[in-house]
């Protein structure tokens, strides 16, 4: 009987200790998203469009900064976004500043570049950039 109660106390102690160490275990249980940080989006035939996406540690888009033509960089701190990661495949769907983009691609081996395709329309002032299934990359900054 004594060994059962000793075992039960040991298990309770271990579980209590682990519960108190959630900040230590969190990176193991919930590793940061491979998208965490800033990424530059470049489309093959859209030289007058510069776009940077910022993702948080959960993989959510927190900011989109873009320049179209000679219009100064326009930040959007509240974009609407859906992000899907399935193995090495990534899909990012964005609505920001009245614009919309969908990027779909695949991580390279060290997960610093995602090569794929982008479709959407981005405008600022009188300049409109239309992308229809254009070759594109997202590059970690």
N, C-alpha and C. Protein backbone atom coordinates (compact mmCIF):
# COMPACT_ATOMS: atom_id res chain seq x y z
N UNK A 1 0.83 -1.19 0.00
CA UNK A 1 0.00 0.00 0.00
C UNK A 1 0.87 1.25 0.00
N UNK A 2 1.97 1.18 0.72
CA UNK A 2 2.86 2.33 0.80
C UNK A 2 3.46 2.65 -0.57
N UNK A 3 3.79 1.64 -1.34
CA UNK A 3 4.40 1.89 -2.65
C UNK A 3 3.42 2.56 -3.61
N UNK A 4 2.13 2.23 -3.50
CA UNK A 4 1.14 2.89 -4.36
C UNK A 4 1.02 4.37 -4.02
N UNK A 5 0.97 4.69 -2.76
CA UNK A 5 0.83 6.09 -2.37
C UNK A 5 2.11 6.86 -2.71
N UNK A 6 3.26 6.24 -2.56
CA UNK A 6 4.52 6.89 -2.93
C UNK A 6 4.54 7.15 -4.43
N UNK A 7 4.12 6.16 -5.21
CA UNK A 7 4.07 6.31 -6.66
C UNK A 7 3.09 7.42 -7.05
N UNK A 8 1.91 7.45 -6.42
CA UNK A 8 0.91 8.47 -6.72
C UNK A 8 1.44 9.86 -6.40
N UNK A 9 2.14 10.00 -5.27
CA UNK A 9 2.72 11.30 -4.91
C UNK A 9 3.79 11.71 -5.92
N UNK A 10 4.58 10.76 -6.37
CA UNK A 10 5.62 11.07 -7.35
C UNK A 10 5.01 11.53 -8.67
N UNK A 11 3.95 10.87 -9.10
CA UNK A 11 3.28 11.26 -10.35
C UNK A 11 2.66 12.64 -10.21
N UNK A 12 1.98 12.90 -9.09
CA UNK A 12 1.37 14.20 -8.86
C UNK A 12 2.45 15.28 -8.83
N UNK A 13 3.56 15.01 -8.17
CA UNK A 13 4.66 15.97 -8.12
C UNK A 13 5.23 16.25 -9.50
N UNK A 14 5.40 15.20 -10.29
CA UNK A 14 5.92 15.36 -11.64
C UNK A 14 4.97 16.19 -12.50
N UNK A 15 3.68 15.86 -12.44
CA UNK A 15 2.70 16.61 -13.23
C UNK A 15 2.61 18.06 -12.79
N UNK A 16 2.68 18.31 -11.49
CA UNK A 16 2.66 19.67 -10.98
C UNK A 16 3.88 20.43 -11.47
N UNK A 17 5.02 19.79 -11.43
CA UNK A 17 6.25 20.41 -11.92
C UNK A 17 6.18 20.73 -13.40
N UNK A 18 5.66 19.80 -14.19
CA UNK A 18 5.54 20.03 -15.62
C UNK A 18 4.54 21.14 -15.93
N UNK A 19 3.46 21.19 -15.19
CA UNK A 19 2.46 22.24 -15.40
C UNK A 19 3.05 23.61 -15.10
N UNK A 20 3.91 23.67 -14.10
CA UNK A 20 4.56 24.92 -13.75
C UNK A 20 5.65 25.32 -14.71
N UNK A 21 6.07 24.41 -15.56
CA UNK A 21 7.14 24.67 -16.51
C UNK A 21 6.61 24.83 -17.92
N UNK A 22 5.40 25.31 -18.07
CA UNK A 22 4.82 25.40 -19.41
C UNK A 22 5.64 26.31 -20.31
N UNK A 23 6.28 27.35 -19.73
CA UNK A 23 7.09 28.23 -20.57
C UNK A 23 8.33 27.51 -21.08
N UNK A 24 8.80 26.53 -20.34
CA UNK A 24 9.95 25.74 -20.79
C UNK A 24 9.51 24.76 -21.86
N UNK A 25 8.36 24.14 -21.68
CA UNK A 25 7.88 23.13 -22.62
C UNK A 25 7.21 23.72 -23.86
N UNK A 26 6.77 24.98 -23.80
CA UNK A 26 6.01 25.56 -24.91
C UNK A 26 6.74 25.48 -26.25
N UNK A 27 8.05 25.80 -26.34
CA UNK A 27 8.71 25.68 -27.64
C UNK A 27 8.72 24.26 -28.18
N UNK A 28 8.65 23.28 -27.30
CA UNK A 28 8.64 21.88 -27.74
C UNK A 28 7.23 21.51 -28.19
N UNK A 29 6.23 21.90 -27.40
CA UNK A 29 4.85 21.56 -27.70
C UNK A 29 4.33 22.40 -28.87
N UNK A 30 4.62 23.71 -28.86
CA UNK A 30 4.16 24.63 -29.91
C UNK A 30 5.37 25.35 -30.51
N UNK A 31 6.11 24.71 -31.40
CA UNK A 31 7.28 25.38 -31.97
C UNK A 31 6.85 26.60 -32.79
N UNK A 32 7.73 27.61 -32.88
CA UNK A 32 7.36 28.79 -33.66
C UNK A 32 7.16 28.44 -35.13
N UNK A 33 6.32 29.23 -35.78
CA UNK A 33 6.05 29.02 -37.20
C UNK A 33 7.32 29.23 -38.02
N UNK A 34 7.53 28.46 -39.07
CA UNK A 34 8.69 28.70 -39.93
C UNK A 34 8.57 30.03 -40.69
N UNK A 35 7.40 30.66 -40.64
CA UNK A 35 7.21 31.95 -41.29
C UNK A 35 7.51 33.13 -40.37
N UNK A 36 7.78 32.89 -39.10
CA UNK A 36 8.01 33.95 -38.12
C UNK A 36 9.02 34.97 -38.65
N UNK A 37 8.63 36.26 -38.70
CA UNK A 37 9.52 37.32 -39.16
C UNK A 37 9.04 37.97 -40.44
N UNK A 38 9.95 38.73 -41.07
CA UNK A 38 9.62 39.47 -42.30
C UNK A 38 10.05 38.68 -43.53
N UNK A 39 9.21 38.73 -44.57
CA UNK A 39 9.44 38.04 -45.84
C UNK A 39 9.16 39.01 -46.98
N UNK A 40 10.07 39.06 -47.95
CA UNK A 40 9.91 39.91 -49.13
C UNK A 40 9.27 39.10 -50.25
N UNK A 41 8.17 39.62 -50.80
CA UNK A 41 7.48 38.98 -51.92
C UNK A 41 7.95 39.63 -53.20
N UNK A 42 8.46 38.81 -54.13
CA UNK A 42 8.89 39.31 -55.43
C UNK A 42 8.21 38.49 -56.52
N UNK A 43 7.56 39.19 -57.44
CA UNK A 43 6.90 38.54 -58.58
C UNK A 43 7.72 38.82 -59.83
N UNK A 44 7.84 37.82 -60.70
CA UNK A 44 8.72 37.88 -61.87
C UNK A 44 8.49 39.11 -62.75
N UNK A 45 7.27 39.41 -63.11
CA UNK A 45 7.01 40.50 -64.05
C UNK A 45 6.38 41.72 -63.39
N UNK A 46 6.64 41.91 -62.12
CA UNK A 46 6.06 43.05 -61.41
C UNK A 46 7.17 43.87 -60.76
N UNK A 47 8.03 44.44 -61.60
CA UNK A 47 9.18 45.18 -61.09
C UNK A 47 8.78 46.45 -60.35
N UNK A 48 7.57 46.96 -60.60
CA UNK A 48 7.13 48.18 -59.92
C UNK A 48 6.33 47.89 -58.64
N UNK A 49 6.41 46.65 -58.15
CA UNK A 49 5.73 46.26 -56.91
C UNK A 49 6.74 45.70 -55.92
N UNK A 50 6.77 46.28 -54.74
CA UNK A 50 7.62 45.76 -53.65
C UNK A 50 6.71 45.50 -52.46
N UNK A 51 6.75 44.28 -51.94
CA UNK A 51 5.85 43.90 -50.85
C UNK A 51 6.62 43.14 -49.79
N UNK A 52 6.42 43.51 -48.53
CA UNK A 52 7.01 42.78 -47.40
C UNK A 52 5.89 42.35 -46.47
N UNK A 53 5.87 41.06 -46.14
CA UNK A 53 4.89 40.49 -45.22
C UNK A 53 5.59 40.19 -43.91
N UNK A 54 4.95 40.51 -42.79
CA UNK A 54 5.50 40.17 -41.48
C UNK A 54 4.55 39.19 -40.80
N UNK A 55 5.12 38.08 -40.33
CA UNK A 55 4.36 37.02 -39.66
C UNK A 55 4.78 36.98 -38.19
N UNK A 56 3.84 36.64 -37.30
CA UNK A 56 4.19 36.45 -35.89
C UNK A 56 4.63 35.00 -35.68
N UNK A 57 4.96 34.66 -34.44
CA UNK A 57 5.49 33.32 -34.14
C UNK A 57 4.45 32.21 -34.35
N UNK A 58 3.17 32.60 -34.46
CA UNK A 58 2.12 31.62 -34.75
C UNK A 58 1.85 31.46 -36.24
N UNK A 59 2.53 32.27 -37.07
CA UNK A 59 2.34 32.20 -38.51
C UNK A 59 1.25 33.10 -39.04
N UNK A 60 0.72 33.98 -38.20
CA UNK A 60 -0.31 34.92 -38.64
C UNK A 60 0.34 36.17 -39.24
N UNK A 61 -0.25 36.71 -40.30
CA UNK A 61 0.27 37.93 -40.91
C UNK A 61 -0.13 39.12 -40.04
N UNK A 62 0.87 39.89 -39.59
CA UNK A 62 0.61 41.03 -38.72
C UNK A 62 0.80 42.37 -39.43
N UNK A 63 1.50 42.36 -40.57
CA UNK A 63 1.75 43.60 -41.29
C UNK A 63 2.04 43.29 -42.75
N UNK A 64 1.56 44.16 -43.63
CA UNK A 64 1.92 44.13 -45.05
C UNK A 64 2.37 45.54 -45.39
N UNK A 65 3.59 45.69 -45.90
CA UNK A 65 4.08 46.98 -46.37
C UNK A 65 4.34 46.84 -47.86
N UNK A 66 3.82 47.78 -48.65
CA UNK A 66 3.97 47.64 -50.09
C UNK A 66 4.19 48.99 -50.75
N UNK A 67 4.89 48.95 -51.87
CA UNK A 67 5.15 50.11 -52.70
C UNK A 67 4.72 49.75 -54.11
N UNK A 68 3.96 50.63 -54.75
CA UNK A 68 3.55 50.42 -56.13
C UNK A 68 4.06 51.62 -56.93
N UNK A 69 4.91 51.35 -57.91
CA UNK A 69 5.47 52.45 -58.70
C UNK A 69 6.25 53.40 -57.83
N UNK A 70 5.96 54.71 -57.98
CA UNK A 70 6.66 55.74 -57.22
C UNK A 70 5.95 56.11 -55.92
N UNK A 71 4.86 55.44 -55.61
CA UNK A 71 4.11 55.74 -54.39
C UNK A 71 4.89 55.21 -53.20
N UNK A 72 5.04 56.03 -52.17
CA UNK A 72 5.81 55.64 -50.99
C UNK A 72 5.24 54.38 -50.35
N UNK A 73 6.06 53.73 -49.55
CA UNK A 73 5.65 52.49 -48.89
C UNK A 73 4.39 52.71 -48.06
N UNK A 74 3.44 51.83 -48.23
CA UNK A 74 2.16 51.91 -47.53
C UNK A 74 2.05 50.73 -46.58
N UNK A 75 2.00 50.98 -45.26
CA UNK A 75 1.86 49.86 -44.32
C UNK A 75 0.39 49.56 -44.02
N UNK A 76 0.11 48.31 -43.76
CA UNK A 76 -1.21 47.89 -43.30
C UNK A 76 -0.99 46.95 -42.12
N UNK A 77 -1.31 47.46 -40.92
CA UNK A 77 -1.09 46.68 -39.69
C UNK A 77 -2.25 45.78 -39.34
N UNK A 78 -3.29 45.76 -40.15
CA UNK A 78 -4.42 44.88 -39.85
C UNK A 78 -4.93 44.18 -41.11
N UNK A 79 -4.03 43.48 -41.80
CA UNK A 79 -4.49 42.77 -43.00
C UNK A 79 -5.37 41.58 -42.64
N UNK A 80 -6.26 41.23 -43.54
CA UNK A 80 -7.03 39.99 -43.39
C UNK A 80 -6.22 38.92 -44.11
N UNK A 81 -5.96 37.83 -43.43
CA UNK A 81 -5.11 36.81 -44.04
C UNK A 81 -5.50 35.42 -43.60
N UNK A 82 -5.27 34.49 -44.50
CA UNK A 82 -5.38 33.06 -44.18
C UNK A 82 -4.05 32.44 -44.59
N UNK A 83 -3.45 31.70 -43.68
CA UNK A 83 -2.15 31.08 -43.93
C UNK A 83 -2.27 29.59 -43.69
N UNK A 84 -1.83 28.81 -44.66
CA UNK A 84 -1.84 27.35 -44.52
C UNK A 84 -0.44 26.83 -44.78
N UNK A 85 0.05 25.99 -43.87
CA UNK A 85 1.33 25.32 -44.06
C UNK A 85 1.07 23.83 -43.94
N UNK A 86 1.43 23.10 -44.98
CA UNK A 86 1.27 21.65 -45.00
C UNK A 86 2.60 21.06 -45.44
N UNK A 87 3.41 20.66 -44.46
CA UNK A 87 4.76 20.19 -44.78
C UNK A 87 5.58 21.35 -45.34
N UNK A 88 6.05 21.24 -46.57
CA UNK A 88 6.82 22.31 -47.21
C UNK A 88 5.95 23.22 -48.07
N UNK A 89 4.67 22.94 -48.17
CA UNK A 89 3.77 23.74 -49.01
C UNK A 89 3.12 24.85 -48.19
N UNK A 90 3.08 26.05 -48.78
CA UNK A 90 2.56 27.24 -48.10
C UNK A 90 1.57 27.95 -49.01
N UNK A 91 0.43 28.36 -48.44
CA UNK A 91 -0.54 29.20 -49.15
C UNK A 91 -0.85 30.39 -48.25
N UNK A 92 -0.68 31.60 -48.79
CA UNK A 92 -0.99 32.83 -48.06
C UNK A 92 -2.00 33.60 -48.89
N UNK A 93 -3.18 33.84 -48.31
CA UNK A 93 -4.23 34.63 -48.97
C UNK A 93 -4.38 35.93 -48.18
N UNK A 94 -4.28 37.07 -48.88
CA UNK A 94 -4.26 38.37 -48.21
C UNK A 94 -5.28 39.34 -48.79
N UNK A 95 -5.85 40.14 -47.91
CA UNK A 95 -6.60 41.33 -48.30
C UNK A 95 -6.02 42.46 -47.45
N UNK A 96 -5.50 43.49 -48.12
CA UNK A 96 -4.84 44.58 -47.40
C UNK A 96 -5.00 45.87 -48.19
N UNK A 97 -5.36 46.94 -47.51
CA UNK A 97 -5.48 48.24 -48.15
C UNK A 97 -6.33 48.24 -49.41
N UNK A 98 -7.37 47.43 -49.45
CA UNK A 98 -8.21 47.34 -50.64
C UNK A 98 -7.63 46.48 -51.75
N UNK A 99 -6.53 45.81 -51.48
CA UNK A 99 -5.85 44.95 -52.45
C UNK A 99 -6.01 43.49 -52.04
N UNK A 100 -5.71 42.59 -52.98
CA UNK A 100 -5.81 41.16 -52.67
C UNK A 100 -4.70 40.40 -53.39
N UNK A 101 -4.09 39.45 -52.69
CA UNK A 101 -3.06 38.58 -53.25
C UNK A 101 -3.25 37.17 -52.71
N UNK A 102 -2.94 36.19 -53.54
CA UNK A 102 -2.86 34.80 -53.09
C UNK A 102 -1.52 34.27 -53.59
N UNK A 103 -0.69 33.83 -52.64
CA UNK A 103 0.61 33.24 -52.96
C UNK A 103 0.58 31.77 -52.56
N UNK A 104 1.08 30.92 -53.45
CA UNK A 104 1.16 29.49 -53.16
C UNK A 104 2.54 29.01 -53.58
N UNK A 105 3.25 28.34 -52.66
CA UNK A 105 4.60 27.91 -53.00
C UNK A 105 5.12 26.82 -52.09
N UNK A 106 6.42 26.52 -52.27
CA UNK A 106 7.09 25.45 -51.54
C UNK A 106 8.40 25.96 -50.95
N UNK A 107 8.65 25.63 -49.67
CA UNK A 107 9.90 25.99 -49.01
C UNK A 107 11.09 25.35 -49.69
N UNK A 108 12.24 26.05 -49.67
CA UNK A 108 13.49 25.41 -50.06
C UNK A 108 13.98 24.59 -48.86
N UNK A 109 15.14 23.93 -49.00
CA UNK A 109 15.62 23.02 -47.95
C UNK A 109 15.83 23.70 -46.60
N UNK A 110 16.38 24.92 -46.59
CA UNK A 110 16.63 25.57 -45.29
C UNK A 110 15.50 26.52 -44.88
N UNK A 111 14.40 26.47 -45.61
CA UNK A 111 13.19 27.24 -45.29
C UNK A 111 13.42 28.75 -45.25
N UNK A 112 14.31 29.23 -46.12
CA UNK A 112 14.56 30.67 -46.20
C UNK A 112 13.93 31.30 -47.44
N UNK A 113 13.52 30.47 -48.40
CA UNK A 113 12.87 30.95 -49.62
C UNK A 113 11.69 30.03 -49.93
N UNK A 114 10.58 30.65 -50.32
CA UNK A 114 9.41 29.88 -50.77
C UNK A 114 9.19 30.26 -52.23
N UNK A 115 9.32 29.29 -53.11
CA UNK A 115 9.13 29.53 -54.54
C UNK A 115 7.74 29.07 -54.95
N UNK A 116 7.08 29.91 -55.76
CA UNK A 116 5.74 29.52 -56.17
C UNK A 116 5.14 30.48 -57.16
N UNK A 117 3.85 30.78 -56.96
CA UNK A 117 3.10 31.63 -57.87
C UNK A 117 2.20 32.57 -57.07
N UNK A 118 1.93 33.73 -57.67
CA UNK A 118 1.08 34.72 -57.02
C UNK A 118 0.04 35.23 -58.01
N UNK A 119 -1.16 35.47 -57.49
CA UNK A 119 -2.26 36.03 -58.27
C UNK A 119 -2.90 37.13 -57.44
N UNK A 120 -3.26 38.24 -58.08
CA UNK A 120 -3.94 39.30 -57.35
C UNK A 120 -3.83 40.64 -58.04
N UNK A 121 -4.36 41.66 -57.38
CA UNK A 121 -4.31 43.03 -57.86
C UNK A 121 -3.88 43.92 -56.71
N UNK A 122 -2.85 44.75 -56.96
CA UNK A 122 -2.37 45.70 -55.96
C UNK A 122 -2.31 47.07 -56.63
N UNK A 123 -2.85 48.08 -55.96
CA UNK A 123 -2.84 49.42 -56.54
C UNK A 123 -2.53 50.46 -55.48
N UNK A 124 -2.01 51.57 -55.97
CA UNK A 124 -1.78 52.75 -55.13
C UNK A 124 -1.81 53.94 -56.07
N UNK A 125 -2.60 54.93 -55.74
CA UNK A 125 -2.74 56.06 -56.65
C UNK A 125 -3.29 55.59 -57.99
N UNK A 126 -2.65 56.01 -59.07
CA UNK A 126 -3.09 55.63 -60.42
C UNK A 126 -2.41 54.37 -60.93
N UNK A 127 -1.52 53.80 -60.15
CA UNK A 127 -0.76 52.63 -60.60
C UNK A 127 -1.44 51.35 -60.12
N UNK A 128 -1.70 50.45 -61.05
CA UNK A 128 -2.34 49.17 -60.73
C UNK A 128 -1.44 48.06 -61.26
N UNK A 129 -1.14 47.09 -60.40
CA UNK A 129 -0.36 45.92 -60.79
C UNK A 129 -1.27 44.71 -60.71
N UNK A 130 -1.45 44.03 -61.84
CA UNK A 130 -2.27 42.82 -61.89
C UNK A 130 -1.35 41.63 -62.09
N UNK A 131 -1.48 40.66 -61.21
CA UNK A 131 -0.66 39.45 -61.27
C UNK A 131 -1.57 38.26 -61.53
N UNK A 132 -1.27 37.51 -62.58
CA UNK A 132 -2.08 36.35 -62.91
C UNK A 132 -1.18 35.13 -62.97
N UNK A 133 -1.16 34.38 -61.89
CA UNK A 133 -0.37 33.15 -61.80
C UNK A 133 1.09 33.39 -62.17
N UNK A 134 1.65 34.50 -61.64
CA UNK A 134 3.03 34.88 -61.92
C UNK A 134 4.00 34.08 -61.05
N UNK A 135 5.14 33.70 -61.62
CA UNK A 135 6.20 33.10 -60.82
C UNK A 135 6.61 34.11 -59.75
N UNK A 136 6.81 33.64 -58.52
CA UNK A 136 7.12 34.55 -57.42
C UNK A 136 7.89 33.82 -56.34
N UNK A 137 8.54 34.62 -55.48
CA UNK A 137 9.23 34.05 -54.32
C UNK A 137 8.91 34.89 -53.09
N UNK A 138 8.90 34.22 -51.96
CA UNK A 138 8.90 34.88 -50.65
C UNK A 138 10.27 34.56 -50.07
N UNK A 139 11.03 35.60 -49.70
CA UNK A 139 12.39 35.42 -49.19
C UNK A 139 12.48 35.97 -47.78
N UNK A 140 12.97 35.16 -46.85
CA UNK A 140 13.13 35.56 -45.44
C UNK A 140 14.10 36.72 -45.37
N UNK A 141 13.73 37.76 -44.64
CA UNK A 141 14.59 38.95 -44.49
C UNK A 141 15.39 38.89 -43.22
